[in-house]
């Protein structure tokens, strides 16, 4: 399964308005950065499980249905 695909790239307006990027604990925890782009991995179970397992994660949001 390819994770870093065009359909999972997060538009810049979405980053602020929905993902709440750099807004503390309300920032979505399912954002990853690769190859100069931000991607939504909310609907990628194997990565979502890894993220959910991080105990000291500062971003705690779960702000939308994902991309």
Protein backbone atom coordinates (compact mmCIF):
# COMPACT_ATOMS: atom_id res chain seq x y z
CA UNK A 1 0.00 0.00 0.00
CA UNK A 2 1.41 3.37 -1.03
CA UNK A 3 0.96 5.85 1.80
CA UNK A 4 2.37 9.08 0.38
CA UNK A 5 -0.01 9.61 -2.52
CA UNK A 6 -1.43 12.81 -3.98
CA UNK A 7 -4.88 12.25 -2.45
CA UNK A 8 -3.39 12.29 1.07
CA UNK A 9 -1.50 15.57 0.64
CA UNK A 10 -2.95 18.17 2.97
CA UNK A 11 -3.77 21.53 1.34
CA UNK A 12 -2.24 24.50 3.20
CA UNK A 13 -5.65 26.02 4.03
CA UNK A 14 -6.73 22.68 5.51
CA UNK A 15 -3.61 22.58 7.70
CA UNK A 16 -4.65 25.69 9.63
CA UNK A 17 -8.44 25.49 9.53
CA UNK A 18 -9.03 21.78 10.05
CA UNK A 19 -5.79 20.17 11.20
CA UNK A 20 -5.09 23.13 13.53
CA UNK A 21 -1.38 22.88 12.69
CA UNK A 22 0.89 24.35 15.40
CA UNK A 23 -2.07 25.09 17.66
CA UNK A 24 -1.02 22.94 20.59
CA UNK A 25 -2.96 19.91 21.78
CA UNK A 26 -5.81 20.55 19.32
CA UNK A 27 -3.43 19.90 16.39
CA UNK A 28 -4.35 16.70 14.58
CA UNK A 29 -2.04 13.85 15.51
CA UNK A 30 -2.31 12.15 12.10
CA UNK A 31 -0.10 14.57 10.14
CA UNK A 32 3.22 13.34 8.75
CA UNK A 33 5.82 15.19 6.71
CA UNK A 34 7.69 13.61 3.82
CA UNK A 35 9.28 14.90 0.63
CA UNK A 36 8.36 18.54 1.35
CA UNK A 37 4.65 17.81 1.84
CA UNK A 38 2.32 17.15 4.74
CA UNK A 39 0.18 14.02 4.48
CA UNK A 40 -2.87 12.79 6.35
CA UNK A 41 -2.43 9.24 7.61
CA UNK A 42 -5.62 9.02 9.63
CA UNK A 43 -7.00 6.27 7.37
CA UNK A 44 -3.78 4.24 7.29
CA UNK A 45 -4.28 1.73 10.14
CA UNK A 46 -0.66 0.61 10.55
CA UNK A 47 0.60 4.19 10.91
CA UNK A 48 -2.44 5.30 12.91
CA UNK A 49 -1.74 2.52 15.42
CA UNK A 50 1.89 3.61 15.76
CA UNK A 51 0.87 7.23 16.32
CA UNK A 52 -1.78 6.24 18.86
CA UNK A 53 0.90 4.31 20.75
CA UNK A 54 3.07 7.39 21.35
CA UNK A 55 2.47 8.29 24.98
CA UNK A 56 4.05 11.75 25.00
CA UNK A 57 2.47 12.99 21.75
CA UNK A 58 1.80 16.73 22.03
CA UNK A 59 -0.74 16.83 19.18
CA UNK A 60 -3.91 15.12 20.38
CA UNK A 61 -6.53 16.26 17.88
CA UNK A 62 -8.70 14.04 15.75
CA UNK A 63 -10.30 16.83 13.80
CA UNK A 64 -11.94 15.36 10.69
CA UNK A 65 -12.67 12.19 8.74
CA UNK A 66 -9.25 12.24 7.09
CA UNK A 67 -8.18 12.42 3.46
